[in-house]
Amino acid sequence: KPKCRVHNAHGDYSLLSKLPKKRTSVVTMVRHPLDRVISIYELSTVRAARYLLYPNMTSATEAAERQCYERPHDVCLLDMWPFKHLMPRLAVELFAR
Protein backbone atom coordinates (compact mmCIF):
# COMPACT_ATOMS: atom_id res chain seq x y z
CA LYS A 1 0.00 0.00 0.00
CA PRO A 2 1.17 3.57 -0.52
CA LYS A 3 2.96 5.08 2.45
CA CYS A 4 3.13 1.71 4.17
CA ARG A 5 5.92 1.69 6.72
CA VAL A 6 7.50 -1.12 8.64
CA HIS A 7 9.46 -0.82 11.84
CA ASN A 8 11.50 -3.76 13.01
CA ALA A 9 12.37 -3.35 16.68
CA HIS A 10 14.32 -5.29 19.22
CA GLY A 11 13.11 -3.26 22.15
CA ASP A 12 10.23 -3.17 24.53
CA TYR A 13 6.63 -2.07 24.22
CA SER A 14 7.29 1.55 25.22
CA LEU A 15 7.68 2.30 21.52
CA LEU A 16 3.99 1.50 20.95
CA SER A 17 2.91 4.52 22.96
CA LYS A 18 4.51 6.72 20.29
CA LEU A 19 2.65 5.16 17.34
CA PRO A 20 -0.88 5.96 16.10
CA LYS A 21 -3.31 3.46 17.63
CA LYS A 22 -5.67 3.11 14.65
CA ARG A 23 -3.03 2.42 12.02
CA THR A 24 -0.55 0.27 13.92
CA SER A 25 -0.26 -3.49 13.75
CA VAL A 26 2.12 -5.42 15.95
CA VAL A 27 3.67 -8.82 15.40
CA THR A 28 5.48 -10.27 18.39
CA MET A 29 7.95 -13.09 18.11
CA VAL A 30 8.21 -14.86 21.43
CA ARG A 31 11.62 -16.09 22.51
CA HIS A 32 12.83 -18.00 25.49
CA PRO A 33 13.10 -15.59 28.46
CA LEU A 34 16.75 -16.43 29.08
CA ASP A 35 17.60 -15.62 25.44
CA ARG A 36 15.93 -12.24 25.89
CA VAL A 37 17.91 -11.46 29.05
CA ILE A 38 21.20 -12.40 27.41
CA SER A 39 20.35 -10.35 24.33
CA ILE A 40 19.47 -7.26 26.40
CA TYR A 41 22.68 -7.60 28.41
CA GLU A 42 24.75 -7.96 25.23
CA LEU A 43 23.18 -4.90 23.58
CA SER A 44 23.62 -2.86 26.77
CA THR A 45 27.28 -3.85 26.99
CA VAL A 46 27.97 -2.97 23.35
CA ARG A 47 26.26 0.40 23.70
CA ALA A 48 27.96 1.14 27.03
CA ALA A 49 31.35 0.38 25.43
CA ARG A 50 30.77 3.36 23.13
CA TYR A 51 31.17 5.57 26.21
CA LEU A 52 34.86 4.59 26.23
CA LEU A 53 35.40 6.80 23.18
CA TYR A 54 35.25 9.78 25.55
CA PRO A 55 37.92 10.86 28.05
CA ASN A 56 35.67 10.61 31.11
CA MET A 57 32.23 9.52 32.24
CA THR A 58 30.87 13.09 32.41
CA SER A 59 31.61 13.88 28.77
CA ALA A 60 30.35 10.45 27.71
CA THR A 61 27.04 10.97 29.52
CA GLU A 62 26.62 14.46 28.06
CA ALA A 63 27.28 13.15 24.55
CA ALA A 64 24.80 10.29 24.99
CA GLU A 65 22.09 12.64 26.23
CA ARG A 66 22.80 15.09 23.41
CA GLN A 67 22.49 12.31 20.81
CA CYS A 68 19.15 11.24 22.28
CA TYR A 69 17.64 14.67 21.98
CA GLU A 70 19.09 15.68 18.60
CA ARG A 71 16.42 13.51 16.97
CA PRO A 72 13.20 14.25 18.89
CA HIS A 73 11.07 11.83 16.85
CA ASP A 74 13.31 8.84 17.55
CA VAL A 75 13.00 6.71 20.63
CA CYS A 76 16.19 6.90 22.66
CA LEU A 77 17.53 3.65 24.05
CA LEU A 78 18.38 5.47 27.28
CA ASP A 79 14.66 6.19 27.77
CA MET A 80 13.68 2.51 27.68
CA TRP A 81 13.66 0.02 30.49
CA PRO A 82 16.00 -1.82 31.19
CA PHE A 83 18.56 0.03 29.10
CA LYS A 84 18.22 3.27 31.05
CA HIS A 85 19.43 1.38 34.12
CA LEU A 86 21.90 -1.07 32.58
CA MET A 87 23.86 1.12 30.15
CA PRO A 88 25.01 3.79 32.64
CA ARG A 89 25.99 1.15 35.21
CA LEU A 90 27.92 -0.87 32.66
CA ALA A 91 29.64 2.27 31.38
CA VAL A 92 30.79 3.18 34.90
CA GLU A 93 32.08 -0.36 35.32
CA LEU A 94 33.95 -0.20 32.00
CA PHE A 95 35.53 3.16 32.86
CA ALA A 96 36.70 1.76 36.19
CA ARG A 97 38.66 -0.95 34.39
PDB file of N, CA and C in Angstrom:
ATOM      1  N   LYS A   1       0.840  -1.184   0.000  1.00  0.00           N
ATOM      2  CA  LYS A   1       0.000   0.000   0.000  1.00  0.00           C
ATOM      3  C   LYS A   1       0.880   1.241   0.000  1.00  0.00           C
ATOM      4  N   PRO A   2       0.387   2.333  -0.553  1.00  0.00           N
ATOM      5  CA  PRO A   2       1.172   3.572  -0.519  1.00  0.00           C
ATOM      6  C   PRO A   2       1.405   4.033   0.922  1.00  0.00           C
ATOM      7  N   LYS A   3       2.570   4.550   1.149  1.00  0.00           N
ATOM      8  CA  LYS A   3       2.965   5.077   2.452  1.00  0.00           C
ATOM      9  C   LYS A   3       2.967   4.023   3.561  1.00  0.00           C
ATOM     10  N   CYS A   4       3.044   2.770   3.173  1.00  0.00           N
ATOM     11  CA  CYS A   4       3.130   1.705   4.171  1.00  0.00           C
ATOM     12  C   CYS A   4       4.532   1.736   4.764  1.00  0.00           C
ATOM     13  N   ARG A   5       4.617   1.652   6.065  1.00  0.00           N
ATOM     14  CA  ARG A   5       5.918   1.689   6.724  1.00  0.00           C
ATOM     15  C   ARG A   5       6.036   0.518   7.676  1.00  0.00           C
ATOM     16  N   VAL A   6       7.230   0.008   7.764  1.00  0.00           N
ATOM     17  CA  VAL A   6       7.502  -1.121   8.644  1.00  0.00           C
ATOM     18  C   VAL A   6       8.601  -0.706   9.611  1.00  0.00           C
ATOM     19  N   HIS A   7       8.423  -1.069  10.840  1.00  0.00           N
ATOM     20  CA  HIS A   7       9.459  -0.822  11.839  1.00  0.00           C
ATOM     21  C   HIS A   7       9.791  -2.142  12.508  1.00  0.00           C
ATOM     22  N   ASN A   8      11.028  -2.534  12.380  1.00  0.00           N
ATOM     23  CA  ASN A   8      11.498  -3.763  13.010  1.00  0.00           C
ATOM     24  C   ASN A   8      12.241  -3.353  14.274  1.00  0.00           C
ATOM     25  N   ALA A   9      11.756  -3.789  15.425  1.00  0.00           N
ATOM     26  CA  ALA A   9      12.368  -3.351  16.682  1.00  0.00           C
ATOM     27  C   ALA A   9      12.801  -4.537  17.518  1.00  0.00           C
ATOM     28  N   HIS A  10      13.807  -4.284  18.306  1.00  0.00           N
ATOM     29  CA  HIS A  10      14.315  -5.293  19.223  1.00  0.00           C
ATOM     30  C   HIS A  10      14.198  -4.756  20.647  1.00  0.00           C
ATOM     31  N   GLY A  11      13.235  -3.904  20.849  1.00  0.00           N
ATOM     32  CA  GLY A  11      13.107  -3.257  22.149  1.00  0.00           C
ATOM     33  C   GLY A  11      11.881  -3.704  22.896  1.00  0.00           C
ATOM     34  N   ASP A  12      11.402  -2.829  23.726  1.00  0.00           N
ATOM     35  CA  ASP A  12      10.233  -3.167  24.530  1.00  0.00           C
ATOM     36  C   ASP A  12       8.988  -2.469  23.983  1.00  0.00           C
ATOM     37  N   TYR A  13       7.902  -2.604  24.699  1.00  0.00           N
ATOM     38  CA  TYR A  13       6.632  -2.073  24.224  1.00  0.00           C
ATOM     39  C   TYR A  13       6.475  -0.573  24.430  1.00  0.00           C
ATOM     40  N   SER A  14       7.424   0.103  25.021  1.00  0.00           N
ATOM     41  CA  SER A  14       7.293   1.549  25.223  1.00  0.00           C
ATOM     42  C   SER A  14       7.219   2.288  23.892  1.00  0.00           C
ATOM     43  N   LEU A  15       7.749   1.691  22.845  1.00  0.00           N
ATOM     44  CA  LEU A  15       7.676   2.295  21.521  1.00  0.00           C
ATOM     45  C   LEU A  15       6.236   2.416  21.039  1.00  0.00           C
ATOM     46  N   LEU A  16       5.384   1.487  21.412  1.00  0.00           N
ATOM     47  CA  LEU A  16       3.995   1.496  20.951  1.00  0.00           C
ATOM     48  C   LEU A  16       3.241   2.742  21.379  1.00  0.00           C
ATOM     49  N   SER A  17       3.596   3.323  22.491  1.00  0.00           N
ATOM     50  CA  SER A  17       2.906   4.525  22.955  1.00  0.00           C
ATOM     51  C   SER A  17       3.156   5.709  22.034  1.00  0.00           C
ATOM     52  N   LYS A  18       4.178   5.627  21.193  1.00  0.00           N
ATOM     53  CA  LYS A  18       4.512   6.717  20.286  1.00  0.00           C
ATOM     54  C   LYS A  18       3.889   6.547  18.899  1.00  0.00           C
ATOM     55  N   LEU A  19       3.229   5.436  18.659  1.00  0.00           N
ATOM     56  CA  LEU A  19       2.651   5.156  17.344  1.00  0.00           C
ATOM     57  C   LEU A  19       1.143   5.397  17.347  1.00  0.00           C
ATOM     58  N   PRO A  20       0.576   5.751  16.168  1.00  0.00           N
ATOM     59  CA  PRO A  20      -0.880   5.956  16.103  1.00  0.00           C
ATOM     60  C   PRO A  20      -1.622   4.646  16.350  1.00  0.00           C
ATOM     61  N   LYS A  21      -2.602   4.678  17.224  1.00  0.00           N
ATOM     62  CA  LYS A  21      -3.306   3.455  17.627  1.00  0.00           C
ATOM     63  C   LYS A  21      -4.124   2.829  16.503  1.00  0.00           C
ATOM     64  N   LYS A  22      -4.765   3.639  15.681  1.00  0.00           N
ATOM     65  CA  LYS A  22      -5.666   3.106  14.655  1.00  0.00           C
ATOM     66  C   LYS A  22      -4.931   2.466  13.486  1.00  0.00           C
ATOM     67  N   ARG A  23      -3.718   2.904  13.217  1.00  0.00           N
ATOM     68  CA  ARG A  23      -3.025   2.421  12.021  1.00  0.00           C
ATOM     69  C   ARG A  23      -1.805   1.566  12.339  1.00  0.00           C
ATOM     70  N   THR A  24      -1.735   1.035  13.520  1.00  0.00           N
ATOM     71  CA  THR A  24      -0.554   0.273  13.916  1.00  0.00           C
ATOM     72  C   THR A  24      -0.901  -1.189  14.145  1.00  0.00           C
ATOM     73  N   SER A  25      -0.134  -2.047  13.514  1.00  0.00           N
ATOM     74  CA  SER A  25      -0.257  -3.488  13.746  1.00  0.00           C
ATOM     75  C   SER A  25       1.050  -3.969  14.367  1.00  0.00           C
ATOM     76  N   VAL A  26       0.938  -4.924  15.252  1.00  0.00           N
ATOM     77  CA  VAL A  26       2.120  -5.421  15.951  1.00  0.00           C
ATOM     78  C   VAL A  26       2.209  -6.928  15.794  1.00  0.00           C
ATOM     79  N   VAL A  27       3.389  -7.390  15.444  1.00  0.00           N
ATOM     80  CA  VAL A  27       3.667  -8.820  15.398  1.00  0.00           C
ATOM     81  C   VAL A  27       4.764  -9.070  16.426  1.00  0.00           C
ATOM     82  N   THR A  28       4.511  -9.966  17.336  1.00  0.00           N
ATOM     83  CA  THR A  28       5.481 -10.268  18.385  1.00  0.00           C
ATOM     84  C   THR A  28       6.016 -11.678  18.198  1.00  0.00           C
ATOM     85  N   MET A  29       7.319 -11.776  18.177  1.00  0.00           N
ATOM     86  CA  MET A  29       7.951 -13.088  18.108  1.00  0.00           C
ATOM     87  C   MET A  29       8.423 -13.429  19.513  1.00  0.00           C
ATOM     88  N   VAL A  30       7.902 -14.487  20.053  1.00  0.00           N
ATOM     89  CA  VAL A  30       8.207 -14.862  21.428  1.00  0.00           C
ATOM     90  C   VAL A  30       9.475 -15.717  21.454  1.00  0.00           C
ATOM     91  N   ARG A  31      10.383 -15.329  22.336  1.00  0.00           N
ATOM     92  CA  ARG A  31      11.618 -16.087  22.508  1.00  0.00           C
ATOM     93  C   ARG A  31      11.693 -16.595  23.937  1.00  0.00           C
ATOM     94  N   HIS A  32      12.595 -17.485  24.144  1.00  0.00           N
ATOM     95  CA  HIS A  32      12.829 -18.001  25.491  1.00  0.00           C
ATOM     96  C   HIS A  32      13.284 -16.834  26.381  1.00  0.00           C
ATOM     97  N   PRO A  33      12.749 -16.714  27.584  1.00  0.00           N
ATOM     98  CA  PRO A  33      13.100 -15.586  28.462  1.00  0.00           C
ATOM     99  C   PRO A  33      14.600 -15.431  28.715  1.00  0.00           C
ATOM    100  N   LEU A  34      15.314 -16.520  28.849  1.00  0.00           N
ATOM    101  CA  LEU A  34      16.752 -16.429  29.080  1.00  0.00           C
ATOM    102  C   LEU A  34      17.463 -15.837  27.862  1.00  0.00           C
ATOM    103  N   ASP A  35      17.029 -16.205  26.659  1.00  0.00           N
ATOM    104  CA  ASP A  35      17.599 -15.625  25.443  1.00  0.00           C
ATOM    105  C   ASP A  35      17.390 -14.115  25.414  1.00  0.00           C
ATOM    106  N   ARG A  36      16.230 -13.678  25.857  1.00  0.00           N
ATOM    107  CA  ARG A  36      15.931 -12.244  25.886  1.00  0.00           C
ATOM    108  C   ARG A  36      16.847 -11.515  26.867  1.00  0.00           C
ATOM    109  N   VAL A  37      17.049 -12.086  28.039  1.00  0.00           N
ATOM    110  CA  VAL A  37      17.905 -11.458  29.047  1.00  0.00           C
ATOM    111  C   VAL A  37      19.339 -11.351  28.531  1.00  0.00           C
ATOM    112  N   ILE A  38      19.835 -12.413  27.942  1.00  0.00           N
ATOM    113  CA  ILE A  38      21.201 -12.404  27.407  1.00  0.00           C
ATOM    114  C   ILE A  38      21.326 -11.378  26.286  1.00  0.00           C
ATOM    115  N   SER A  39      20.341 -11.300  25.429  1.00  0.00           N
ATOM    116  CA  SER A  39      20.353 -10.350  24.327  1.00  0.00           C
ATOM    117  C   SER A  39      20.349  -8.907  24.831  1.00  0.00           C
ATOM    118  N   ILE A  40      19.529  -8.613  25.830  1.00  0.00           N
ATOM    119  CA  ILE A  40      19.472  -7.264  26.398  1.00  0.00           C
ATOM    120  C   ILE A  40      20.804  -6.907  27.052  1.00  0.00           C
ATOM    121  N   TYR A  41      21.389  -7.849  27.765  1.00  0.00           N
ATOM    122  CA  TYR A  41      22.681  -7.605  28.406  1.00  0.00           C
ATOM    123  C   TYR A  41      23.761  -7.341  27.350  1.00  0.00           C
ATOM    124  N   GLU A  42      23.750  -8.133  26.291  1.00  0.00           N
ATOM    125  CA  GLU A  42      24.749  -7.960  25.230  1.00  0.00           C
ATOM    126  C   GLU A  42      24.613  -6.589  24.565  1.00  0.00           C
ATOM    127  N   LEU A  43      23.392  -6.201  24.208  1.00  0.00           N
ATOM    128  CA  LEU A  43      23.176  -4.901  23.577  1.00  0.00           C
ATOM    129  C   LEU A  43      23.586  -3.771  24.521  1.00  0.00           C
ATOM    130  N   SER A  44      23.249  -3.883  25.786  1.00  0.00           N
ATOM    131  CA  SER A  44      23.624  -2.858  26.768  1.00  0.00           C
ATOM    132  C   SER A  44      25.137  -2.740  26.891  1.00  0.00           C
ATOM    133  N   THR A  45      25.827  -3.857  26.883  1.00  0.00           N
ATOM    134  CA  THR A  45      27.285  -3.848  26.989  1.00  0.00           C
ATOM    135  C   THR A  45      27.924  -3.203  25.764  1.00  0.00           C
ATOM    136  N   VAL A  46      27.431  -3.548  24.591  1.00  0.00           N
ATOM    137  CA  VAL A  46      27.965  -2.973  23.352  1.00  0.00           C
ATOM    138  C   VAL A  46      27.746  -1.464  23.333  1.00  0.00           C
ATOM    139  N   ARG A  47      26.552  -1.032  23.689  1.00  0.00           N
ATOM    140  CA  ARG A  47      26.257   0.405  23.705  1.00  0.00           C
ATOM    141  C   ARG A  47      27.056   1.124  24.789  1.00  0.00           C
ATOM    142  N   ALA A  48      27.191   0.517  25.949  1.00  0.00           N
ATOM    143  CA  ALA A  48      27.964   1.138  27.032  1.00  0.00           C
ATOM    144  C   ALA A  48      29.438   1.260  26.646  1.00  0.00           C
ATOM    145  N   ALA A  49      29.942   0.325  25.863  1.00  0.00           N
ATOM    146  CA  ALA A  49      31.346   0.377  25.432  1.00  0.00           C
ATOM    147  C   ALA A  49      31.619   1.607  24.573  1.00  0.00           C
ATOM    148  N   ARG A  50      30.596   2.143  23.929  1.00  0.00           N
ATOM    149  CA  ARG A  50      30.774   3.365  23.132  1.00  0.00           C
ATOM    150  C   ARG A  50      31.155   4.553  24.009  1.00  0.00           C
ATOM    151  N   TYR A  51      30.805   4.495  25.278  1.00  0.00           N
ATOM    152  CA  TYR A  51      31.167   5.565  26.207  1.00  0.00           C
ATOM    153  C   TYR A  51      32.687   5.683  26.320  1.00  0.00           C
ATOM    154  N   LEU A  52      33.402   4.589  26.081  1.00  0.00           N
ATOM    155  CA  LEU A  52      34.858   4.590  26.234  1.00  0.00           C
ATOM    156  C   LEU A  52      35.560   5.440  25.179  1.00  0.00           C
ATOM    157  N   LEU A  53      34.828   5.904  24.184  1.00  0.00           N
ATOM    158  CA  LEU A  53      35.403   6.798  23.185  1.00  0.00           C
ATOM    159  C   LEU A  53      35.684   8.184  23.767  1.00  0.00           C
ATOM    160  N   TYR A  54      35.125   8.468  24.924  1.00  0.00           N
ATOM    161  CA  TYR A  54      35.248   9.778  25.552  1.00  0.00           C
ATOM    162  C   TYR A  54      36.257   9.719  26.696  1.00  0.00           C
ATOM    163  N   PRO A  55      36.858  10.861  27.031  1.00  0.00           N
ATOM    164  CA  PRO A  55      37.916  10.858  28.049  1.00  0.00           C
ATOM    165  C   PRO A  55      37.444  10.568  29.468  1.00  0.00           C
ATOM    166  N   ASN A  56      36.184  10.873  29.760  1.00  0.00           N
ATOM    167  CA  ASN A  56      35.674  10.615  31.113  1.00  0.00           C
ATOM    168  C   ASN A  56      34.170  10.362  31.062  1.00  0.00           C
ATOM    169  N   MET A  57      33.645   9.907  32.172  1.00  0.00           N
ATOM    170  CA  MET A  57      32.234   9.525  32.241  1.00  0.00           C
ATOM    171  C   MET A  57      31.306  10.722  32.046  1.00  0.00           C
ATOM    172  N   THR A  58      31.714  11.893  32.538  1.00  0.00           N
ATOM    173  CA  THR A  58      30.870  13.088  32.413  1.00  0.00           C
ATOM    174  C   THR A  58      30.664  13.456  30.952  1.00  0.00           C
ATOM    175  N   SER A  59      31.746  13.524  30.181  1.00  0.00           N
ATOM    176  CA  SER A  59      31.608  13.884  28.766  1.00  0.00           C
ATOM    177  C   SER A  59      30.880  12.795  27.986  1.00  0.00           C
ATOM    178  N   ALA A  60      31.059  11.546  28.373  1.00  0.00           N
ATOM    179  CA  ALA A  60      30.351  10.445  27.710  1.00  0.00           C
ATOM    180  C   ALA A  60      28.850  10.546  27.952  1.00  0.00           C
ATOM    181  N   THR A  61      28.462  10.846  29.186  1.00  0.00           N
ATOM    182  CA  THR A  61      27.045  10.973  29.523  1.00  0.00           C
ATOM    183  C   THR A  61      26.424  12.156  28.800  1.00  0.00           C
ATOM    184  N   GLU A  62      27.131  13.275  28.759  1.00  0.00           N
ATOM    185  CA  GLU A  62      26.623  14.458  28.059  1.00  0.00           C
ATOM    186  C   GLU A  62      26.434  14.170  26.577  1.00  0.00           C
ATOM    187  N   ALA A  63      27.383  13.485  25.970  1.00  0.00           N
ATOM    188  CA  ALA A  63      27.279  13.145  24.547  1.00  0.00           C
ATOM    189  C   ALA A  63      26.107  12.207  24.292  1.00  0.00           C
ATOM    190  N   ALA A  64      25.917  11.233  25.155  1.00  0.00           N
ATOM    191  CA  ALA A  64      24.805  10.288  24.995  1.00  0.00           C
ATOM    192  C   ALA A  64      23.468  11.002  25.103  1.00  0.00           C
ATOM    193  N   GLU A  65      23.336  11.893  26.071  1.00  0.00           N
ATOM    194  CA  GLU A  65      22.089  12.645  26.231  1.00  0.00           C
ATOM    195  C   GLU A  65      21.855  13.563  25.044  1.00  0.00           C
ATOM    196  N   ARG A  66      22.918  14.193  24.560  1.00  0.00           N
ATOM    197  CA  ARG A  66      22.802  15.091  23.409  1.00  0.00           C
ATOM    198  C   ARG A  66      22.336  14.316  22.177  1.00  0.00           C
ATOM    199  N   GLN A  67      22.885  13.131  21.963  1.00  0.00           N
ATOM    200  CA  GLN A  67      22.488  12.314  20.815  1.00  0.00           C
ATOM    201  C   GLN A  67      21.029  11.901  20.900  1.00  0.00           C
ATOM    202  N   CYS A  68      20.553  11.638  22.107  1.00  0.00           N
ATOM    203  CA  CYS A  68      19.152  11.236  22.284  1.00  0.00           C
ATOM    204  C   CYS A  68      18.198  12.351  21.894  1.00  0.00           C
ATOM    205  N   TYR A  69      18.573  13.570  22.184  1.00  0.00           N
ATOM    206  CA  TYR A  69      17.636  14.668  21.980  1.00  0.00           C
ATOM    207  C   TYR A  69      17.884  15.449  20.700  1.00  0.00           C
ATOM    208  N   GLU A  70      18.886  15.057  19.910  1.00  0.00           N
ATOM    209  CA  GLU A  70      19.094  15.679  18.603  1.00  0.00           C
ATOM    210  C   GLU A  70      18.022  15.234  17.621  1.00  0.00           C
ATOM    211  N   ARG A  71      17.478  14.053  17.832  1.00  0.00           N
ATOM    212  CA  ARG A  71      16.420  13.514  16.969  1.00  0.00           C
ATOM    213  C   ARG A  71      15.168  13.303  17.821  1.00  0.00           C
ATOM    214  N   PRO A  72      14.339  14.337  17.967  1.00  0.00           N
ATOM    215  CA  PRO A  72      13.205  14.252  18.891  1.00  0.00           C
ATOM    216  C   PRO A  72      12.143  13.221  18.510  1.00  0.00           C
ATOM    217  N   HIS A  73      12.089  12.800  17.262  1.00  0.00           N
ATOM    218  CA  HIS A  73      11.066  11.831  16.849  1.00  0.00           C
ATOM    219  C   HIS A  73      11.525  10.387  17.039  1.00  0.00           C
ATOM    220  N   ASP A  74      12.793  10.193  17.309  1.00  0.00           N
ATOM    221  CA  ASP A  74      13.307   8.844  17.545  1.00  0.00           C
ATOM    222  C   ASP A  74      13.134   8.467  19.015  1.00  0.00           C
ATOM    223  N   VAL A  75      13.054   7.196  19.260  1.00  0.00           N
ATOM    224  CA  VAL A  75      13.005   6.708  20.635  1.00  0.00           C
ATOM    225  C   VAL A  75      14.437   6.441  21.069  1.00  0.00           C
ATOM    226  N   CYS A  76      14.824   7.046  22.154  1.00  0.00           N
ATOM    227  CA  CYS A  76      16.187   6.900  22.661  1.00  0.00           C
ATOM    228  C   CYS A  76      16.293   5.640  23.514  1.00  0.00           C
ATOM    229  N   LEU A  77      17.326   4.878  23.284  1.00  0.00           N
ATOM    230  CA  LEU A  77      17.533   3.650  24.054  1.00  0.00           C
ATOM    231  C   LEU A  77      17.668   3.945  25.551  1.00  0.00           C
ATOM    232  N   LEU A  78      18.217   5.107  25.875  1.00  0.00           N
ATOM    233  CA  LEU A  78      18.377   5.471  27.283  1.00  0.00           C
ATOM    234  C   LEU A  78      17.052   5.805  27.966  1.00  0.00           C
ATOM    235  N   ASP A  79      15.983   5.934  27.194  1.00  0.00           N
ATOM    236  CA  ASP A  79      14.660   6.190  27.772  1.00  0.00           C
ATOM    237  C   ASP A  79      13.885   4.902  28.025  1.00  0.00           C
ATOM    238  N   MET A  80      14.406   3.784  27.572  1.00  0.00           N
ATOM    239  CA  MET A  80      13.676   2.515  27.680  1.00  0.00           C
ATOM    240  C   MET A  80      14.205   1.661  28.824  1.00  0.00           C
ATOM    241  N   TRP A  81      13.285   1.004  29.490  1.00  0.00           N
ATOM    242  CA  TRP A  81      13.664   0.022  30.495  1.00  0.00           C
ATOM    243  C   TRP A  81      14.047  -1.237  29.745  1.00  0.00           C
ATOM    244  N   PRO A  82      15.048  -1.941  30.082  1.00  0.00           N
ATOM    245  CA  PRO A  82      15.997  -1.820  31.193  1.00  0.00           C
ATOM    246  C   PRO A  82      17.264  -1.072  30.826  1.00  0.00           C
ATOM    247  N   PHE A  83      17.321  -0.591  29.575  1.00  0.00           N
ATOM    248  CA  PHE A  83      18.559   0.030  29.102  1.00  0.00           C
ATOM    249  C   PHE A  83      18.927   1.279  29.892  1.00  0.00           C
ATOM    250  N   LYS A  84      17.918   2.049  30.311  1.00  0.00           N
ATOM    251  CA  LYS A  84      18.216   3.274  31.054  1.00  0.00           C
ATOM    252  C   LYS A  84      18.901   2.979  32.387  1.00  0.00           C
ATOM    253  N   HIS A  85      18.761   1.767  32.874  1.00  0.00           N
ATOM    254  CA  HIS A  85      19.429   1.385  34.117  1.00  0.00           C
ATOM    255  C   HIS A  85      20.738   0.636  33.849  1.00  0.00           C
ATOM    256  N   LEU A  86      20.721  -0.233  32.851  1.00  0.00           N
ATOM    257  CA  LEU A  86      21.897  -1.069  32.576  1.00  0.00           C
ATOM    258  C   LEU A  86      23.054  -0.302  31.947  1.00  0.00           C
ATOM    259  N   MET A  87      22.776   0.477  30.896  1.00  0.00           N
ATOM    260  CA  MET A  87      23.864   1.117  30.152  1.00  0.00           C
ATOM    261  C   MET A  87      24.725   2.036  31.016  1.00  0.00           C
ATOM    262  N   PRO A  88      24.142   2.938  31.808  1.00  0.00           N
ATOM    263  CA  PRO A  88      25.007   3.788  32.641  1.00  0.00           C
ATOM    264  C   PRO A  88      25.831   2.987  33.655  1.00  0.00           C
ATOM    265  N   ARG A  89      25.250   1.960  34.240  1.00  0.00           N
ATOM    266  CA  ARG A  89      25.993   1.148  35.214  1.00  0.00           C
ATOM    267  C   ARG A  89      27.140   0.396  34.547  1.00  0.00           C
ATOM    268  N   LEU A  90      26.864  -0.154  33.372  1.00  0.00           N
ATOM    269  CA  LEU A  90      27.920  -0.873  32.656  1.00  0.00           C
ATOM    270  C   LEU A  90      29.022   0.085  32.211  1.00  0.00           C
ATOM    271  N   ALA A  91      28.641   1.293  31.800  1.00  0.00           N
ATOM    272  CA  ALA A  91      29.640   2.273  31.379  1.00  0.00           C
ATOM    273  C   ALA A  91      30.554   2.648  32.542  1.00  0.00           C
ATOM    274  N   VAL A  92      29.984   2.863  33.712  1.00  0.00           N
ATOM    275  CA  VAL A  92      30.795   3.180  34.902  1.00  0.00           C
ATOM    276  C   VAL A  92      31.754   2.029  35.197  1.00  0.00           C
ATOM    277  N   GLU A  93      31.248   0.822  35.086  1.00  0.00           N
ATOM    278  CA  GLU A  93      32.083  -0.359  35.323  1.00  0.00           C
ATOM    279  C   GLU A  93      33.223  -0.444  34.305  1.00  0.00           C
ATOM    280  N   LEU A  94      32.919  -0.159  33.040  1.00  0.00           N
ATOM    281  CA  LEU A  94      33.953  -0.205  32.004  1.00  0.00           C
ATOM    282  C   LEU A  94      35.000   0.885  32.214  1.00  0.00           C
ATOM    283  N   PHE A  95      34.575   2.087  32.596  1.00  0.00           N
ATOM    284  CA  PHE A  95      35.531   3.161  32.860  1.00  0.00           C
ATOM    285  C   PHE A  95      36.439   2.815  34.034  1.00  0.00           C
ATOM    286  N   ALA A  96      35.908   2.125  35.019  1.00  0.00           N
ATOM    287  CA  ALA A  96      36.705   1.760  36.195  1.00  0.00           C
ATOM    288  C   ALA A  96      37.830   0.795  35.837  1.00  0.00           C
ATOM    289  N   ARG A  97      37.642   0.027  34.792  1.00  0.00           N
ATOM    290  CA  ARG A  97      38.665  -0.945  34.386  1.00  0.00           C
ATOM    291  C   ARG A  97      39.756  -0.246  33.632  1.00  0.00           C
TER     292      ARG A  97
END
